[in-house]
Amino acid sequence: MKFNRVLTSILAFAVAAGLASAQTAPPKKAPASPAMETSVTLGGKSITIKYSAPSVKGRKIFGGAGALQPDNTVWRAGANNATALHADGNITVGKLNVPAGDYTLYVALDPKGWQLVVSKQTGQWGINRDGSTTLDESKAVGRTPMKMSKPKSLVETYKMTLAGKGKKGTLTLEWENVSASVAIAAK
């Protein structure tokens, strides 16, 4: 009987110590570029994009010398892993015919007008160790022009939005002082 009380006391102390140490653990830091998702259903077909959303944090993001994403480069359309597109059915993205399936999105940052790049390559990190893009041009479905505009105010955290109804919609990318969009439609 005395042994049972001792054993119960030891177990109760161990549980209390475990709870106390769990309560004093430091809170986890939020990721610098949190994982995000946007989706829309067009013509009964679900379209989903998964990306990581970095923030401006006082940096120059696009164009010119010293920019995080200089002109005439290919950007992974987010941070961390390359941006992933999934379509449940055949769609068009701008002028591109994109069969149902999984793809990666990139953006060619041409100062005369951006182009969205849809690639059959999937699962890769967005950039190589040397900072170059992971885009393999031989696996690209193609490139399509994007409509460029400026948001009403600075967009601190990168945002991708899929919107629409019926069979037609729009994909919009907004970050810093840039907004770029392209039509999307279900076939």
N, C-alpha and C. Protein backbone atom coordinates (compact mmCIF):
# COMPACT_ATOMS: atom_id res chain seq x y z
N MET A 1 0.83 -1.18 0.00
CA MET A 1 0.00 0.00 0.00
C MET A 1 0.87 1.25 0.00
N LYS A 2 1.94 1.23 0.85
CA LYS A 2 2.84 2.37 0.91
C LYS A 2 3.55 2.56 -0.43
N PHE A 3 3.89 1.45 -1.07
CA PHE A 3 4.55 1.49 -2.38
C PHE A 3 3.65 2.18 -3.40
N ASN A 4 2.34 1.88 -3.40
CA ASN A 4 1.40 2.49 -4.34
C ASN A 4 1.32 4.01 -4.13
N ARG A 5 1.32 4.46 -2.87
CA ARG A 5 1.27 5.89 -2.60
C ARG A 5 2.54 6.58 -3.08
N VAL A 6 3.68 5.94 -2.90
CA VAL A 6 4.96 6.51 -3.35
C VAL A 6 4.96 6.59 -4.89
N LEU A 7 4.54 5.53 -5.53
CA LEU A 7 4.50 5.49 -6.99
C LEU A 7 3.53 6.56 -7.53
N THR A 8 2.36 6.69 -6.90
CA THR A 8 1.39 7.71 -7.31
C THR A 8 1.96 9.11 -7.13
N SER A 9 2.66 9.33 -6.02
CA SER A 9 3.27 10.64 -5.77
C SER A 9 4.33 10.96 -6.81
N ILE A 10 5.15 9.99 -7.18
CA ILE A 10 6.20 10.20 -8.18
C ILE A 10 5.58 10.53 -9.53
N LEU A 11 4.56 9.78 -9.91
CA LEU A 11 3.89 10.03 -11.20
C LEU A 11 3.22 11.41 -11.22
N ALA A 12 2.57 11.78 -10.12
CA ALA A 12 1.93 13.09 -10.05
C ALA A 12 2.96 14.20 -10.16
N PHE A 13 4.11 14.04 -9.52
CA PHE A 13 5.18 15.03 -9.60
C PHE A 13 5.71 15.13 -11.03
N ALA A 14 5.89 14.00 -11.71
CA ALA A 14 6.40 13.99 -13.08
C ALA A 14 5.43 14.70 -14.03
N VAL A 15 4.15 14.44 -13.87
CA VAL A 15 3.14 15.12 -14.70
C VAL A 15 3.15 16.61 -14.44
N ALA A 16 3.19 17.01 -13.19
CA ALA A 16 3.21 18.44 -12.84
C ALA A 16 4.46 19.12 -13.39
N ALA A 17 5.60 18.46 -13.30
CA ALA A 17 6.84 19.03 -13.83
C ALA A 17 6.75 19.17 -15.35
N GLY A 18 6.20 18.17 -16.01
CA GLY A 18 6.03 18.24 -17.47
C GLY A 18 5.12 19.38 -17.88
N LEU A 19 4.01 19.55 -17.18
CA LEU A 19 3.09 20.65 -17.49
C LEU A 19 3.74 22.00 -17.24
N ALA A 20 4.51 22.12 -16.17
CA ALA A 20 5.17 23.39 -15.85
C ALA A 20 6.19 23.74 -16.91
N SER A 21 6.97 22.76 -17.38
CA SER A 21 7.98 23.06 -18.40
C SER A 21 7.32 23.38 -19.73
N ALA A 22 6.20 22.76 -20.04
CA ALA A 22 5.49 23.05 -21.29
C ALA A 22 4.95 24.46 -21.28
N GLN A 23 4.54 24.94 -20.13
CA GLN A 23 3.98 26.29 -20.03
C GLN A 23 5.05 27.36 -20.15
N THR A 24 6.31 27.03 -19.85
CA THR A 24 7.36 28.03 -19.90
C THR A 24 8.13 28.00 -21.21
N ALA A 25 7.81 27.12 -22.12
CA ALA A 25 8.49 27.07 -23.41
C ALA A 25 8.20 28.35 -24.18
N PRO A 26 9.21 28.89 -24.88
CA PRO A 26 8.98 30.13 -25.63
C PRO A 26 7.99 29.90 -26.77
N PRO A 27 7.20 30.91 -27.10
CA PRO A 27 6.24 30.75 -28.19
C PRO A 27 6.98 30.59 -29.52
N LYS A 28 6.38 29.84 -30.44
CA LYS A 28 6.99 29.64 -31.75
C LYS A 28 6.86 30.92 -32.56
N LYS A 29 7.93 31.25 -33.26
CA LYS A 29 7.96 32.44 -34.10
C LYS A 29 7.22 32.16 -35.41
N ALA A 30 6.40 33.10 -35.82
CA ALA A 30 5.66 32.95 -37.08
C ALA A 30 6.66 32.95 -38.24
N PRO A 31 6.41 32.15 -39.29
CA PRO A 31 7.33 32.13 -40.42
C PRO A 31 7.39 33.49 -41.12
N ALA A 32 8.56 33.83 -41.64
CA ALA A 32 8.74 35.11 -42.32
C ALA A 32 7.85 35.22 -43.56
N SER A 33 7.64 34.11 -44.24
CA SER A 33 6.79 34.07 -45.44
C SER A 33 5.80 32.93 -45.28
N PRO A 34 4.67 33.19 -44.61
CA PRO A 34 3.72 32.11 -44.32
C PRO A 34 3.09 31.49 -45.57
N ALA A 35 2.75 30.22 -45.44
CA ALA A 35 2.08 29.50 -46.53
C ALA A 35 0.66 30.05 -46.69
N MET A 36 0.27 30.27 -47.94
CA MET A 36 -1.05 30.81 -48.25
C MET A 36 -1.67 29.98 -49.38
N GLU A 37 -2.97 30.17 -49.54
CA GLU A 37 -3.70 29.45 -50.60
C GLU A 37 -4.84 30.32 -51.10
N THR A 38 -5.09 30.25 -52.40
CA THR A 38 -6.24 30.90 -52.99
C THR A 38 -6.88 29.91 -53.95
N SER A 39 -8.21 29.95 -54.05
CA SER A 39 -8.88 29.01 -54.95
C SER A 39 -10.17 29.61 -55.47
N VAL A 40 -10.64 29.05 -56.57
CA VAL A 40 -11.89 29.46 -57.19
C VAL A 40 -12.44 28.25 -57.95
N THR A 41 -13.75 28.20 -58.10
CA THR A 41 -14.38 27.17 -58.93
C THR A 41 -14.97 27.86 -60.15
N LEU A 42 -14.50 27.45 -61.32
CA LEU A 42 -14.98 28.00 -62.58
C LEU A 42 -15.51 26.86 -63.44
N GLY A 43 -16.74 26.99 -63.90
CA GLY A 43 -17.32 25.94 -64.73
C GLY A 43 -17.32 24.59 -64.04
N GLY A 44 -17.47 24.59 -62.72
CA GLY A 44 -17.49 23.34 -61.96
C GLY A 44 -16.11 22.74 -61.72
N LYS A 45 -15.05 23.43 -62.14
CA LYS A 45 -13.68 22.93 -61.97
C LYS A 45 -12.96 23.78 -60.91
N SER A 46 -12.38 23.11 -59.93
CA SER A 46 -11.66 23.81 -58.87
C SER A 46 -10.24 24.13 -59.34
N ILE A 47 -9.81 25.36 -59.06
CA ILE A 47 -8.45 25.81 -59.37
C ILE A 47 -7.87 26.33 -58.06
N THR A 48 -6.69 25.84 -57.69
CA THR A 48 -6.07 26.20 -56.42
C THR A 48 -4.62 26.60 -56.64
N ILE A 49 -4.18 27.63 -55.94
CA ILE A 49 -2.78 28.04 -55.97
C ILE A 49 -2.28 28.07 -54.54
N LYS A 50 -1.12 27.44 -54.31
CA LYS A 50 -0.46 27.46 -53.00
C LYS A 50 0.87 28.18 -53.17
N TYR A 51 1.13 29.14 -52.26
CA TYR A 51 2.32 29.97 -52.36
C TYR A 51 2.75 30.41 -50.96
N SER A 52 3.93 30.99 -50.87
CA SER A 52 4.38 31.58 -49.61
C SER A 52 4.40 33.09 -49.79
N ALA A 53 3.94 33.82 -48.76
CA ALA A 53 3.72 35.26 -48.86
C ALA A 53 4.76 36.07 -48.08
N PRO A 54 5.81 36.56 -48.78
CA PRO A 54 6.78 37.42 -48.11
C PRO A 54 6.23 38.83 -47.92
N SER A 55 6.92 39.61 -47.10
CA SER A 55 6.53 41.01 -46.86
C SER A 55 7.62 41.95 -47.35
N VAL A 56 7.25 43.20 -47.59
CA VAL A 56 8.18 44.20 -48.10
C VAL A 56 9.27 44.50 -47.06
N LYS A 57 8.89 44.76 -45.83
CA LYS A 57 9.82 45.04 -44.73
C LYS A 57 10.82 46.14 -45.08
N GLY A 58 10.34 47.19 -45.76
CA GLY A 58 11.19 48.33 -46.07
C GLY A 58 12.12 48.13 -47.26
N ARG A 59 12.04 47.00 -47.93
CA ARG A 59 12.93 46.72 -49.06
C ARG A 59 12.33 47.21 -50.38
N LYS A 60 13.19 47.42 -51.37
CA LYS A 60 12.74 47.67 -52.74
C LYS A 60 12.55 46.29 -53.35
N ILE A 61 11.34 45.98 -53.81
CA ILE A 61 11.04 44.63 -54.27
C ILE A 61 11.29 44.44 -55.77
N PHE A 62 10.68 45.29 -56.60
CA PHE A 62 10.75 45.09 -58.04
C PHE A 62 11.50 46.19 -58.75
N GLY A 63 12.21 45.79 -59.82
CA GLY A 63 12.80 46.73 -60.78
C GLY A 63 14.04 47.44 -60.30
N GLY A 64 14.92 47.69 -61.25
CA GLY A 64 16.09 48.51 -61.00
C GLY A 64 17.16 47.87 -60.13
N ALA A 65 18.25 48.61 -60.01
CA ALA A 65 19.39 48.14 -59.23
C ALA A 65 19.01 48.03 -57.75
N GLY A 66 19.51 47.01 -57.12
CA GLY A 66 19.27 46.83 -55.69
C GLY A 66 17.92 46.25 -55.32
N ALA A 67 17.09 45.92 -56.31
CA ALA A 67 15.77 45.35 -56.01
C ALA A 67 15.92 43.88 -55.63
N LEU A 68 15.03 43.44 -54.77
CA LEU A 68 14.99 42.03 -54.40
C LEU A 68 14.74 41.17 -55.65
N GLN A 69 13.85 41.61 -56.51
CA GLN A 69 13.53 40.93 -57.77
C GLN A 69 13.83 41.90 -58.92
N PRO A 70 15.06 41.87 -59.45
CA PRO A 70 15.43 42.82 -60.50
C PRO A 70 14.68 42.58 -61.81
N ASP A 71 14.64 43.61 -62.65
CA ASP A 71 14.07 43.48 -63.99
C ASP A 71 14.82 42.40 -64.77
N ASN A 72 14.14 41.83 -65.76
CA ASN A 72 14.71 40.84 -66.67
C ASN A 72 15.18 39.58 -65.97
N THR A 73 14.50 39.22 -64.88
CA THR A 73 14.76 37.96 -64.20
C THR A 73 13.45 37.17 -64.13
N VAL A 74 13.55 35.91 -63.72
CA VAL A 74 12.36 35.09 -63.53
C VAL A 74 12.18 34.88 -62.03
N TRP A 75 11.00 35.20 -61.53
CA TRP A 75 10.67 35.14 -60.11
C TRP A 75 9.76 33.94 -59.85
N ARG A 76 9.88 33.32 -58.71
CA ARG A 76 9.10 32.13 -58.35
C ARG A 76 7.68 32.44 -57.90
N ALA A 77 7.26 33.68 -58.05
CA ALA A 77 5.88 34.12 -57.73
C ALA A 77 5.52 33.88 -56.26
N GLY A 78 6.47 34.14 -55.39
CA GLY A 78 6.27 33.96 -53.96
C GLY A 78 7.62 33.74 -53.30
N ALA A 79 7.63 33.07 -52.17
CA ALA A 79 8.87 32.73 -51.46
C ALA A 79 8.91 31.23 -51.22
N ASN A 80 10.04 30.76 -50.73
CA ASN A 80 10.21 29.35 -50.37
C ASN A 80 10.01 28.44 -51.58
N ASN A 81 9.14 27.43 -51.47
CA ASN A 81 8.89 26.55 -52.61
C ASN A 81 8.33 27.35 -53.77
N ALA A 82 8.57 26.86 -54.98
CA ALA A 82 7.96 27.50 -56.14
C ALA A 82 6.44 27.42 -55.99
N THR A 83 5.75 28.41 -56.52
CA THR A 83 4.30 28.51 -56.39
C THR A 83 3.60 27.40 -57.18
N ALA A 84 2.65 26.71 -56.54
CA ALA A 84 2.00 25.54 -57.12
C ALA A 84 0.58 25.84 -57.57
N LEU A 85 0.25 25.40 -58.77
CA LEU A 85 -1.10 25.52 -59.34
C LEU A 85 -1.67 24.13 -59.53
N HIS A 86 -2.93 23.93 -59.11
CA HIS A 86 -3.64 22.68 -59.38
C HIS A 86 -4.98 23.02 -60.03
N ALA A 87 -5.26 22.33 -61.13
CA ALA A 87 -6.54 22.51 -61.82
C ALA A 87 -7.23 21.16 -61.94
N ASP A 88 -8.48 21.08 -61.49
CA ASP A 88 -9.25 19.84 -61.58
C ASP A 88 -9.70 19.52 -63.01
N GLY A 89 -9.72 20.54 -63.85
CA GLY A 89 -10.13 20.35 -65.24
C GLY A 89 -9.28 21.20 -66.16
N ASN A 90 -9.49 21.06 -67.45
CA ASN A 90 -8.76 21.85 -68.43
C ASN A 90 -9.14 23.31 -68.31
N ILE A 91 -8.13 24.20 -68.33
CA ILE A 91 -8.36 25.63 -68.20
C ILE A 91 -7.52 26.38 -69.22
N THR A 92 -7.82 27.66 -69.37
CA THR A 92 -6.92 28.55 -70.08
C THR A 92 -6.41 29.56 -69.07
N VAL A 93 -5.14 29.88 -69.19
CA VAL A 93 -4.51 30.91 -68.38
C VAL A 93 -3.96 31.91 -69.39
N GLY A 94 -4.63 33.07 -69.49
CA GLY A 94 -4.27 34.00 -70.55
C GLY A 94 -4.47 33.32 -71.89
N LYS A 95 -3.41 33.23 -72.68
CA LYS A 95 -3.50 32.59 -74.00
C LYS A 95 -3.05 31.13 -73.98
N LEU A 96 -2.74 30.59 -72.79
CA LEU A 96 -2.23 29.22 -72.67
C LEU A 96 -3.34 28.22 -72.41
N ASN A 97 -3.29 27.08 -73.08
CA ASN A 97 -4.17 25.95 -72.78
C ASN A 97 -3.45 25.09 -71.75
N VAL A 98 -4.08 24.93 -70.59
CA VAL A 98 -3.46 24.20 -69.49
C VAL A 98 -4.35 23.01 -69.14
N PRO A 99 -3.90 21.78 -69.47
CA PRO A 99 -4.70 20.60 -69.13
C PRO A 99 -4.82 20.41 -67.61
N ALA A 100 -5.83 19.68 -67.17
CA ALA A 100 -6.00 19.37 -65.75
C ALA A 100 -4.70 18.81 -65.20
N GLY A 101 -4.36 19.19 -63.96
CA GLY A 101 -3.14 18.66 -63.36
C GLY A 101 -2.45 19.65 -62.46
N ASP A 102 -1.17 19.35 -62.19
CA ASP A 102 -0.35 20.16 -61.29
C ASP A 102 0.77 20.86 -62.06
N TYR A 103 1.01 22.11 -61.67
CA TYR A 103 1.97 22.96 -62.35
C TYR A 103 2.67 23.87 -61.35
N THR A 104 3.71 24.55 -61.83
CA THR A 104 4.39 25.57 -61.06
C THR A 104 4.28 26.88 -61.83
N LEU A 105 4.10 27.98 -61.08
CA LEU A 105 4.01 29.30 -61.69
C LEU A 105 5.25 30.13 -61.41
N TYR A 106 5.69 30.85 -62.42
CA TYR A 106 6.78 31.80 -62.31
C TYR A 106 6.32 33.09 -62.99
N VAL A 107 7.07 34.17 -62.78
CA VAL A 107 6.78 35.42 -63.46
C VAL A 107 8.07 35.94 -64.09
N ALA A 108 8.03 36.18 -65.41
CA ALA A 108 9.15 36.81 -66.10
C ALA A 108 8.98 38.31 -65.93
N LEU A 109 9.93 38.93 -65.25
CA LEU A 109 9.84 40.34 -64.86
C LEU A 109 10.44 41.25 -65.94
N ASP A 110 9.76 41.36 -67.04
CA ASP A 110 10.17 42.23 -68.14
C ASP A 110 9.63 43.63 -67.84
N PRO A 111 10.47 44.66 -67.83
CA PRO A 111 9.98 46.00 -67.51
C PRO A 111 8.94 46.51 -68.51
N LYS A 112 8.86 45.93 -69.70
CA LYS A 112 7.86 46.33 -70.69
C LYS A 112 6.52 45.65 -70.43
N GLY A 113 6.48 44.65 -69.56
CA GLY A 113 5.26 43.92 -69.23
C GLY A 113 5.59 42.52 -68.75
N TRP A 114 5.06 42.18 -67.59
CA TRP A 114 5.33 40.86 -67.03
C TRP A 114 4.64 39.77 -67.82
N GLN A 115 5.21 38.55 -67.72
CA GLN A 115 4.60 37.37 -68.33
C GLN A 115 4.52 36.28 -67.27
N LEU A 116 3.34 35.67 -67.17
CA LEU A 116 3.17 34.52 -66.28
C LEU A 116 3.68 33.29 -67.01
N VAL A 117 4.49 32.50 -66.33
CA VAL A 117 5.05 31.27 -66.90
C VAL A 117 4.41 30.09 -66.19
N VAL A 118 3.83 29.17 -66.95
CA VAL A 118 3.24 27.95 -66.40
C VAL A 118 4.18 26.81 -66.77
N SER A 119 4.62 26.04 -65.77
CA SER A 119 5.58 24.95 -65.98
C SER A 119 5.01 23.62 -65.52
N LYS A 120 5.34 22.56 -66.25
CA LYS A 120 4.94 21.20 -65.87
C LYS A 120 5.81 20.66 -64.75
N GLN A 121 6.94 21.30 -64.50
CA GLN A 121 7.85 20.89 -63.42
C GLN A 121 7.19 21.22 -62.09
N THR A 122 7.21 20.31 -61.14
CA THR A 122 6.58 20.56 -59.84
C THR A 122 7.47 20.07 -58.70
N GLY A 123 7.20 20.60 -57.50
CA GLY A 123 7.84 20.13 -56.28
C GLY A 123 9.20 20.72 -55.99
N GLN A 124 9.67 21.66 -56.78
CA GLN A 124 11.00 22.22 -56.58
C GLN A 124 10.98 23.43 -55.65
N TRP A 125 12.13 23.72 -55.06
CA TRP A 125 12.32 24.96 -54.33
C TRP A 125 12.32 26.05 -55.39
N GLY A 126 11.98 27.25 -55.04
CA GLY A 126 11.82 28.31 -56.04
C GLY A 126 13.09 28.85 -56.66
N ILE A 127 14.21 28.75 -55.92
CA ILE A 127 15.47 29.26 -56.45
C ILE A 127 16.60 28.27 -56.15
N ASN A 128 17.66 28.38 -56.94
CA ASN A 128 18.86 27.58 -56.72
C ASN A 128 19.75 28.27 -55.69
N ARG A 129 20.79 27.59 -55.22
CA ARG A 129 21.70 28.15 -54.21
C ARG A 129 22.33 29.47 -54.67
N ASP A 130 22.57 29.61 -55.97
CA ASP A 130 23.20 30.83 -56.48
C ASP A 130 22.20 31.97 -56.70
N GLY A 131 20.92 31.74 -56.35
CA GLY A 131 19.89 32.76 -56.50
C GLY A 131 19.16 32.73 -57.83
N SER A 132 19.60 31.88 -58.75
CA SER A 132 18.93 31.79 -60.04
C SER A 132 17.63 31.00 -59.90
N THR A 133 16.77 31.13 -60.86
CA THR A 133 15.48 30.47 -60.84
C THR A 133 15.61 28.96 -61.06
N THR A 134 14.65 28.20 -60.55
CA THR A 134 14.61 26.76 -60.80
C THR A 134 13.79 26.43 -62.05
N LEU A 135 13.30 27.45 -62.74
CA LEU A 135 12.50 27.21 -63.93
C LEU A 135 13.33 26.49 -64.99
N ASP A 136 12.82 25.36 -65.44
CA ASP A 136 13.41 24.61 -66.55
C ASP A 136 12.55 24.94 -67.77
N GLU A 137 13.07 25.80 -68.65
CA GLU A 137 12.29 26.28 -69.80
C GLU A 137 11.78 25.14 -70.67
N SER A 138 12.49 23.99 -70.69
CA SER A 138 12.05 22.86 -71.52
C SER A 138 10.76 22.23 -70.99
N LYS A 139 10.42 22.52 -69.73
CA LYS A 139 9.20 21.98 -69.14
C LYS A 139 8.06 23.00 -69.07
N ALA A 140 8.28 24.17 -69.65
CA ALA A 140 7.26 25.22 -69.60
C ALA A 140 6.12 24.92 -70.58
N VAL A 141 4.89 25.08 -70.11
CA VAL A 141 3.72 25.03 -70.99
C VAL A 141 3.78 26.25 -71.89
N GLY A 142 4.22 27.37 -71.31
CA GLY A 142 4.38 28.61 -72.07
C GLY A 142 4.32 29.82 -71.18
N ARG A 143 4.33 30.98 -71.84
CA ARG A 143 4.27 32.28 -71.16
C ARG A 143 3.07 33.04 -71.71
N THR A 144 2.46 33.84 -70.85
CA THR A 144 1.33 34.66 -71.28
C THR A 144 1.45 36.04 -70.65
N PRO A 145 1.14 37.10 -71.40
CA PRO A 145 1.25 38.46 -70.86
C PRO A 145 0.30 38.69 -69.70
N MET A 146 0.73 39.55 -68.77
CA MET A 146 -0.09 39.95 -67.64
C MET A 146 -0.46 41.42 -67.80
N LYS A 147 -1.62 41.80 -67.31
CA LYS A 147 -2.06 43.19 -67.33
C LYS A 147 -1.48 43.86 -66.09
N MET A 148 -0.74 44.94 -66.29
CA MET A 148 -0.05 45.62 -65.20
C MET A 148 -0.83 46.85 -64.74
N SER A 149 -0.83 47.07 -63.41
CA SER A 149 -1.42 48.27 -62.83
C SER A 149 -0.75 48.53 -61.48
N LYS A 150 -1.20 49.57 -60.83
CA LYS A 150 -0.67 49.91 -59.50
C LYS A 150 -1.80 49.83 -58.48
N PRO A 151 -1.56 49.20 -57.34
CA PRO A 151 -2.58 49.19 -56.28
C PRO A 151 -2.75 50.59 -55.70
N LYS A 152 -3.85 50.82 -55.00
CA LYS A 152 -4.15 52.14 -54.41
C LYS A 152 -3.11 52.56 -53.38
N SER A 153 -2.54 51.58 -52.69
CA SER A 153 -1.51 51.86 -51.70
C SER A 153 -0.52 50.69 -51.65
N LEU A 154 0.56 50.88 -50.93
CA LEU A 154 1.58 49.86 -50.80
C LEU A 154 0.97 48.55 -50.30
N VAL A 155 1.29 47.45 -50.95
CA VAL A 155 0.85 46.12 -50.52
C VAL A 155 2.03 45.50 -49.76
N GLU A 156 1.97 45.53 -48.43
CA GLU A 156 3.08 45.07 -47.59
C GLU A 156 3.33 43.57 -47.74
N THR A 157 2.29 42.76 -47.68
CA THR A 157 2.45 41.31 -47.77
C THR A 157 1.92 40.82 -49.11
N TYR A 158 2.76 40.08 -49.82
CA TYR A 158 2.42 39.55 -51.14
C TYR A 158 1.10 38.80 -51.09
N LYS A 159 0.28 39.02 -52.11
CA LYS A 159 -1.05 38.39 -52.14
C LYS A 159 -1.37 37.93 -53.56
N MET A 160 -1.84 36.70 -53.66
CA MET A 160 -2.37 36.16 -54.91
C MET A 160 -3.86 35.94 -54.70
N THR A 161 -4.67 36.29 -55.70
CA THR A 161 -6.11 36.14 -55.58
C THR A 161 -6.67 35.51 -56.84
N LEU A 162 -7.44 34.44 -56.68
CA LEU A 162 -8.23 33.86 -57.76
C LEU A 162 -9.67 34.29 -57.52
N ALA A 163 -10.32 34.84 -58.54
CA ALA A 163 -11.70 35.29 -58.40
C ALA A 163 -12.42 35.06 -59.71
N GLY A 164 -13.75 34.96 -59.65
CA GLY A 164 -14.55 34.82 -60.85
C GLY A 164 -15.83 34.08 -60.58
N LYS A 165 -16.63 33.94 -61.64
CA LYS A 165 -17.86 33.15 -61.55
C LYS A 165 -18.19 32.66 -62.94
N GLY A 166 -19.08 31.69 -62.98
CA GLY A 166 -19.36 31.06 -64.27
C GLY A 166 -18.12 30.31 -64.72
N LYS A 167 -17.70 30.57 -65.94
CA LYS A 167 -16.51 29.91 -66.47
C LYS A 167 -15.29 30.82 -66.52
N LYS A 168 -15.47 32.12 -66.20
CA LYS A 168 -14.36 33.07 -66.36
C LYS A 168 -13.93 33.67 -65.03
N GLY A 169 -12.62 33.89 -64.92
CA GLY A 169 -12.08 34.47 -63.71
C GLY A 169 -10.79 35.19 -63.98
N THR A 170 -10.13 35.59 -62.88
CA THR A 170 -8.89 36.34 -62.96
C THR A 170 -7.94 35.88 -61.85
N LEU A 171 -6.67 35.80 -62.19
CA LEU A 171 -5.61 35.61 -61.20
C LEU A 171 -4.90 36.95 -61.07
N THR A 172 -4.80 37.46 -59.84
CA THR A 172 -4.13 38.73 -59.58
C THR A 172 -3.01 38.53 -58.57
N LEU A 173 -1.86 39.11 -58.86
CA LEU A 173 -0.70 39.12 -57.96
C LEU A 173 -0.48 40.57 -57.54
N GLU A 174 -0.34 40.81 -56.23
CA GLU A 174 -0.11 42.16 -55.73
C GLU A 174 0.98 42.14 -54.68
N TRP A 175 1.96 43.05 -54.86
CA TRP A 175 3.02 43.20 -53.87
C TRP A 175 3.72 44.52 -54.11
N GLU A 176 4.08 45.17 -53.05
CA GLU A 176 4.73 46.46 -53.09
C GLU A 176 3.84 47.44 -53.85
N ASN A 177 4.32 47.99 -54.96
CA ASN A 177 3.55 48.96 -55.74
C ASN A 177 3.12 48.40 -57.08
N VAL A 178 2.97 47.07 -57.17
CA VAL A 178 2.65 46.41 -58.44
C VAL A 178 1.45 45.50 -58.29
N SER A 179 0.60 45.54 -59.30
CA SER A 179 -0.51 44.60 -59.41
C SER A 179 -0.44 44.04 -60.84
N ALA A 180 -0.47 42.73 -60.97
CA ALA A 180 -0.42 42.08 -62.28
C ALA A 180 -1.51 41.03 -62.32
N SER A 181 -2.26 40.98 -63.42
CA SER A 181 -3.37 40.03 -63.51
C SER A 181 -3.40 39.36 -64.86
N VAL A 182 -4.09 38.22 -64.88
CA VAL A 182 -4.27 37.45 -66.11
C VAL A 182 -5.61 36.74 -66.03
N ALA A 183 -6.28 36.62 -67.18
CA ALA A 183 -7.58 35.94 -67.23
C ALA A 183 -7.37 34.43 -67.09
N ILE A 184 -8.33 33.80 -66.43
CA ILE A 184 -8.37 32.34 -66.29
C ILE A 184 -9.78 31.91 -66.66
N ALA A 185 -9.91 30.78 -67.35
CA ALA A 185 -11.23 30.30 -67.72
C ALA A 185 -11.25 28.78 -67.75
N ALA A 186 -12.40 28.22 -67.43
CA ALA A 186 -12.62 26.78 -67.54
C ALA A 186 -12.98 26.48 -68.99
N LYS A 187 -12.53 25.35 -69.46
CA LYS A 187 -12.84 24.96 -70.84
C LYS A 187 -14.08 24.12 -70.86
